[in-house]
Amino acid sequence: GKMTTRLKKNRHSRGHVTAGHGRVGKHRKHPGGRGNAGGQHHHRINMDKYHPGYFGKVGMRYFHKTRNQYYCPIINLDKLWTLVPEKIRKELAEKKDGTAPVLDVTRAGYFKVLGKGKLPNQPVIVRAKFFSKLAEKKIKEAG
């Protein structure tokens, strides 16, 4: 929302020559430089005090970084069953003959299964590109 014109300070200053910017120290365009200018010079105190570590580099440079190699979206065990509709999960829980649904997490766009949270005590077969040790253990324990 825009502020209505009549409420602006400028309206109040009409008829006063300097509009609140004084005659002696005049209102000049960009007396400190524009934007982040002078971070290493006349604005050094502010930078050092409130933005430590703003200047300089850190780490190594990686030329031609291809993001594909690192694409590995993860899913945790506690969210695993959200890939299966609740109704189907209930049906499978009631069946006692030990039929395990096959959860292909890559189909849902996840590559790696991590072991956060609890798995409900019902058998399941999980397909994924990667598992963490803990995830593997917990899935085995669930059946």
C-alpha atoms as a PDB file:
ATOM      1  CA  GLY A   1       0.000   0.000   0.000  1.00  0.00           C
ATOM      2  CA  LYS A   2       1.053   3.491  -0.797  1.00  0.00           C
ATOM      3  CA  MET A   3       1.105   6.163   1.843  1.00  0.00           C
ATOM      4  CA  THR A   4      -1.405   8.885   1.118  1.00  0.00           C
ATOM      5  CA  THR A   5       0.174  12.098  -0.040  1.00  0.00           C
ATOM      6  CA  ARG A   6      -1.443  14.327   2.526  1.00  0.00           C
ATOM      7  CA  LEU A   7       0.227  12.440   5.388  1.00  0.00           C
ATOM      8  CA  LYS A   8       3.748  12.794   4.055  1.00  0.00           C
ATOM      9  CA  LYS A   9       6.260  14.923   5.938  1.00  0.00           C
ATOM     10  CA  ASN A  10       6.859  16.835   2.742  1.00  0.00           C
ATOM     11  CA  ARG A  11       3.349  18.353   2.852  1.00  0.00           C
ATOM     12  CA  HIS A  12       4.112  19.712   6.290  1.00  0.00           C
ATOM     13  CA  SER A  13       7.336  21.314   5.061  1.00  0.00           C
ATOM     14  CA  ARG A  14       5.703  23.242   2.217  1.00  0.00           C
ATOM     15  CA  GLY A  15       6.512  26.933   2.413  1.00  0.00           C
ATOM     16  CA  HIS A  16       9.669  26.387   4.447  1.00  0.00           C
ATOM     17  CA  VAL A  17      12.572  26.979   2.110  1.00  0.00           C
ATOM     18  CA  THR A  18      14.950  24.190   3.125  1.00  0.00           C
ATOM     19  CA  ALA A  19      12.250  21.633   3.954  1.00  0.00           C
ATOM     20  CA  GLY A  20      13.951  20.582   7.181  1.00  0.00           C
ATOM     21  CA  HIS A  21      17.390  20.019   5.708  1.00  0.00           C
ATOM     22  CA  GLY A  22      19.031  23.164   7.014  1.00  0.00           C
ATOM     23  CA  ARG A  23      20.859  26.012   5.277  1.00  0.00           C
ATOM     24  CA  VAL A  24      24.338  25.493   6.626  1.00  0.00           C
ATOM     25  CA  GLY A  25      24.903  21.758   6.193  1.00  0.00           C
ATOM     26  CA  LYS A  26      22.734  21.555   3.071  1.00  0.00           C
ATOM     27  CA  HIS A  27      21.022  18.420   1.841  1.00  0.00           C
ATOM     28  CA  ARG A  28      23.470  17.001  -0.674  1.00  0.00           C
ATOM     29  CA  LYS A  29      22.949  14.029  -2.953  1.00  0.00           C
ATOM     30  CA  HIS A  30      25.042  11.093  -1.627  1.00  0.00           C
ATOM     31  CA  PRO A  31      27.468  12.445   0.926  1.00  0.00           C
ATOM     32  CA  GLY A  32      28.644   9.007   2.073  1.00  0.00           C
ATOM     33  CA  GLY A  33      28.786   7.380  -1.319  1.00  0.00           C
ATOM     34  CA  ARG A  34      26.060   5.126  -2.712  1.00  0.00           C
ATOM     35  CA  GLY A  35      25.094   1.771  -1.272  1.00  0.00           C
ATOM     36  CA  ASN A  36      27.872  -0.156   0.395  1.00  0.00           C
ATOM     37  CA  ALA A  37      30.565   2.296  -0.641  1.00  0.00           C
ATOM     38  CA  GLY A  38      33.481   2.829   1.719  1.00  0.00           C
ATOM     39  CA  GLY A  39      33.171  -0.438   3.596  1.00  0.00           C
ATOM     40  CA  GLN A  40      36.938  -0.638   3.878  1.00  0.00           C
ATOM     41  CA  HIS A  41      37.406   3.091   4.304  1.00  0.00           C
ATOM     42  CA  HIS A  42      35.102   5.629   5.904  1.00  0.00           C
ATOM     43  CA  HIS A  43      32.423   3.084   6.846  1.00  0.00           C
ATOM     44  CA  ARG A  44      34.917   0.647   8.280  1.00  0.00           C
ATOM     45  CA  ILE A  45      33.703   0.956  11.863  1.00  0.00           C
ATOM     46  CA  ASN A  46      30.169  -0.070  11.008  1.00  0.00           C
ATOM     47  CA  MET A  47      31.345  -2.971   8.864  1.00  0.00           C
ATOM     48  CA  ASP A  48      33.734  -4.322  11.482  1.00  0.00           C
ATOM     49  CA  LYS A  49      31.237  -3.932  14.268  1.00  0.00           C
ATOM     50  CA  TYR A  50      28.035  -5.244  12.743  1.00  0.00           C
ATOM     51  CA  HIS A  51      29.193  -7.325   9.772  1.00  0.00           C
ATOM     52  CA  PRO A  52      32.361  -9.131  10.803  1.00  0.00           C
ATOM     53  CA  GLY A  53      33.782 -11.354   8.094  1.00  0.00           C
ATOM     54  CA  TYR A  54      32.150  -9.454   5.246  1.00  0.00           C
ATOM     55  CA  PHE A  55      35.407  -8.992   3.367  1.00  0.00           C
ATOM     56  CA  GLY A  56      37.830 -11.609   2.129  1.00  0.00           C
ATOM     57  CA  LYS A  57      37.521 -15.063   0.703  1.00  0.00           C
ATOM     58  CA  VAL A  58      37.190 -18.488   2.211  1.00  0.00           C
ATOM     59  CA  GLY A  59      37.661 -21.981   0.848  1.00  0.00           C
ATOM     60  CA  MET A  60      38.658 -23.232  -2.553  1.00  0.00           C
ATOM     61  CA  ARG A  61      37.225 -22.310  -5.889  1.00  0.00           C
ATOM     62  CA  TYR A  62      35.483 -25.009  -7.863  1.00  0.00           C
ATOM     63  CA  PHE A  63      35.709 -24.394 -11.598  1.00  0.00           C
ATOM     64  CA  HIS A  64      32.841 -25.608 -13.726  1.00  0.00           C
ATOM     65  CA  LYS A  65      30.757 -26.942 -10.908  1.00  0.00           C
ATOM     66  CA  THR A  66      28.114 -29.232 -12.308  1.00  0.00           C
ATOM     67  CA  ARG A  67      25.238 -29.359  -9.881  1.00  0.00           C
ATOM     68  CA  ASN A  68      24.010 -32.668 -11.219  1.00  0.00           C
ATOM     69  CA  GLN A  69      26.690 -34.611  -9.406  1.00  0.00           C
ATOM     70  CA  TYR A  70      25.449 -33.326  -6.084  1.00  0.00           C
ATOM     71  CA  TYR A  71      21.726 -33.743  -6.712  1.00  0.00           C
ATOM     72  CA  CYS A  72      20.658 -36.023  -3.894  1.00  0.00           C
ATOM     73  CA  PRO A  73      17.323 -35.078  -2.312  1.00  0.00           C
ATOM     74  CA  ILE A  74      16.690 -36.926   0.930  1.00  0.00           C
ATOM     75  CA  ILE A  75      13.704 -38.310   2.780  1.00  0.00           C
ATOM     76  CA  ASN A  76      13.576 -39.376   6.418  1.00  0.00           C
ATOM     77  CA  LEU A  77      11.993 -42.535   7.752  1.00  0.00           C
ATOM     78  CA  ASP A  78       9.320 -40.656   9.653  1.00  0.00           C
ATOM     79  CA  LYS A  79       8.106 -39.205   6.340  1.00  0.00           C
ATOM     80  CA  LEU A  80       8.441 -42.449   4.407  1.00  0.00           C
ATOM     81  CA  TRP A  81       4.843 -43.551   4.742  1.00  0.00           C
ATOM     82  CA  THR A  82       3.569 -40.232   3.438  1.00  0.00           C
ATOM     83  CA  LEU A  83       4.408 -41.563  -0.026  1.00  0.00           C
ATOM     84  CA  VAL A  84       1.676 -44.184   0.429  1.00  0.00           C
ATOM     85  CA  PRO A  85      -1.964 -43.085   0.745  1.00  0.00           C
ATOM     86  CA  GLU A  86      -3.217 -43.596   4.307  1.00  0.00           C
ATOM     87  CA  LYS A  87      -6.019 -45.920   3.178  1.00  0.00           C
ATOM     88  CA  ILE A  88      -3.613 -48.352   1.549  1.00  0.00           C
ATOM     89  CA  ARG A  89      -1.381 -48.252   4.617  1.00  0.00           C
ATOM     90  CA  LYS A  90      -4.313 -49.251   6.855  1.00  0.00           C
ATOM     91  CA  GLU A  91      -5.266 -52.112   4.544  1.00  0.00           C
ATOM     92  CA  LEU A  92      -1.706 -53.419   4.565  1.00  0.00           C
ATOM     93  CA  ALA A  93      -1.548 -53.108   8.346  1.00  0.00           C
ATOM     94  CA  GLU A  94      -4.657 -55.259   8.700  1.00  0.00           C
ATOM     95  CA  LYS A  95      -3.318 -57.976   6.415  1.00  0.00           C
ATOM     96  CA  LYS A  96      -1.367 -60.345   8.606  1.00  0.00           C
ATOM     97  CA  ASP A  97       0.208 -62.464   5.867  1.00  0.00           C
ATOM     98  CA  GLY A  98       3.208 -60.175   5.784  1.00  0.00           C
ATOM     99  CA  THR A  99       2.736 -58.556   2.402  1.00  0.00           C
ATOM    100  CA  ALA A 100       5.128 -55.636   2.257  1.00  0.00           C
ATOM    101  CA  PRO A 101       4.488 -52.679  -0.016  1.00  0.00           C
ATOM    102  CA  VAL A 102       7.386 -51.659  -2.254  1.00  0.00           C
ATOM    103  CA  LEU A 103       8.209 -48.015  -1.713  1.00  0.00           C
ATOM    104  CA  ASP A 104      10.239 -46.709  -4.620  1.00  0.00           C
ATOM    105  CA  VAL A 105      11.411 -43.384  -3.284  1.00  0.00           C
ATOM    106  CA  THR A 106      13.221 -42.470  -6.511  1.00  0.00           C
ATOM    107  CA  ARG A 107       9.823 -42.392  -8.177  1.00  0.00           C
ATOM    108  CA  ALA A 108       8.829 -39.721  -5.680  1.00  0.00           C
ATOM    109  CA  GLY A 109      11.999 -37.795  -6.479  1.00  0.00           C
ATOM    110  CA  TYR A 110      14.102 -38.748  -3.463  1.00  0.00           C
ATOM    111  CA  PHE A 111      17.483 -40.443  -3.845  1.00  0.00           C
ATOM    112  CA  LYS A 112      18.626 -41.072  -0.305  1.00  0.00           C
ATOM    113  CA  VAL A 113      16.818 -42.441   2.736  1.00  0.00           C
ATOM    114  CA  LEU A 114      17.952 -41.171   6.148  1.00  0.00           C
ATOM    115  CA  GLY A 115      17.091 -42.589   9.529  1.00  0.00           C
ATOM    116  CA  LYS A 116      15.305 -39.820  11.428  1.00  0.00           C
ATOM    117  CA  GLY A 117      12.219 -40.755  13.415  1.00  0.00           C
ATOM    118  CA  LYS A 118      10.326 -43.993  13.981  1.00  0.00           C
ATOM    119  CA  LEU A 119       8.933 -46.451  11.472  1.00  0.00           C
ATOM    120  CA  PRO A 120       5.546 -47.979  12.273  1.00  0.00           C
ATOM    121  CA  ASN A 121       5.936 -51.656  13.045  1.00  0.00           C
ATOM    122  CA  GLN A 122       4.901 -53.028   9.695  1.00  0.00           C
ATOM    123  CA  PRO A 123       7.085 -54.569   7.003  1.00  0.00           C
ATOM    124  CA  VAL A 124       8.066 -52.494   3.991  1.00  0.00           C
ATOM    125  CA  ILE A 125      10.464 -52.847   1.070  1.00  0.00           C
ATOM    126  CA  VAL A 126      12.218 -49.601   0.263  1.00  0.00           C
ATOM    127  CA  ARG A 127      13.971 -48.927  -3.032  1.00  0.00           C
ATOM    128  CA  ALA A 128      16.419 -46.056  -3.213  1.00  0.00           C
ATOM    129  CA  LYS A 129      19.843 -45.191  -4.557  1.00  0.00           C
ATOM    130  CA  PHE A 130      21.371 -44.644  -1.128  1.00  0.00           C
ATOM    131  CA  PHE A 131      20.628 -45.498   2.490  1.00  0.00           C
ATOM    132  CA  SER A 132      22.278 -44.308   5.650  1.00  0.00           C
ATOM    133  CA  LYS A 133      23.361 -47.074   8.036  1.00  0.00           C
ATOM    134  CA  LEU A 134      20.720 -46.154  10.593  1.00  0.00           C
ATOM    135  CA  ALA A 135      17.947 -46.061   8.022  1.00  0.00           C
ATOM    136  CA  GLU A 136      18.899 -49.524   6.813  1.00  0.00           C
ATOM    137  CA  LYS A 137      18.892 -50.859  10.353  1.00  0.00           C
ATOM    138  CA  LYS A 138      15.487 -49.384  11.202  1.00  0.00           C
ATOM    139  CA  ILE A 139      13.867 -50.644   7.995  1.00  0.00           C
ATOM    140  CA  LYS A 140      15.209 -54.139   8.688  1.00  0.00           C
ATOM    141  CA  GLU A 141      13.871 -54.006  12.239  1.00  0.00           C
ATOM    142  CA  ALA A 142      10.409 -52.998  11.027  1.00  0.00           C
ATOM    143  CA  GLY A 143      10.415 -56.205   9.012  1.00  0.00           C
END
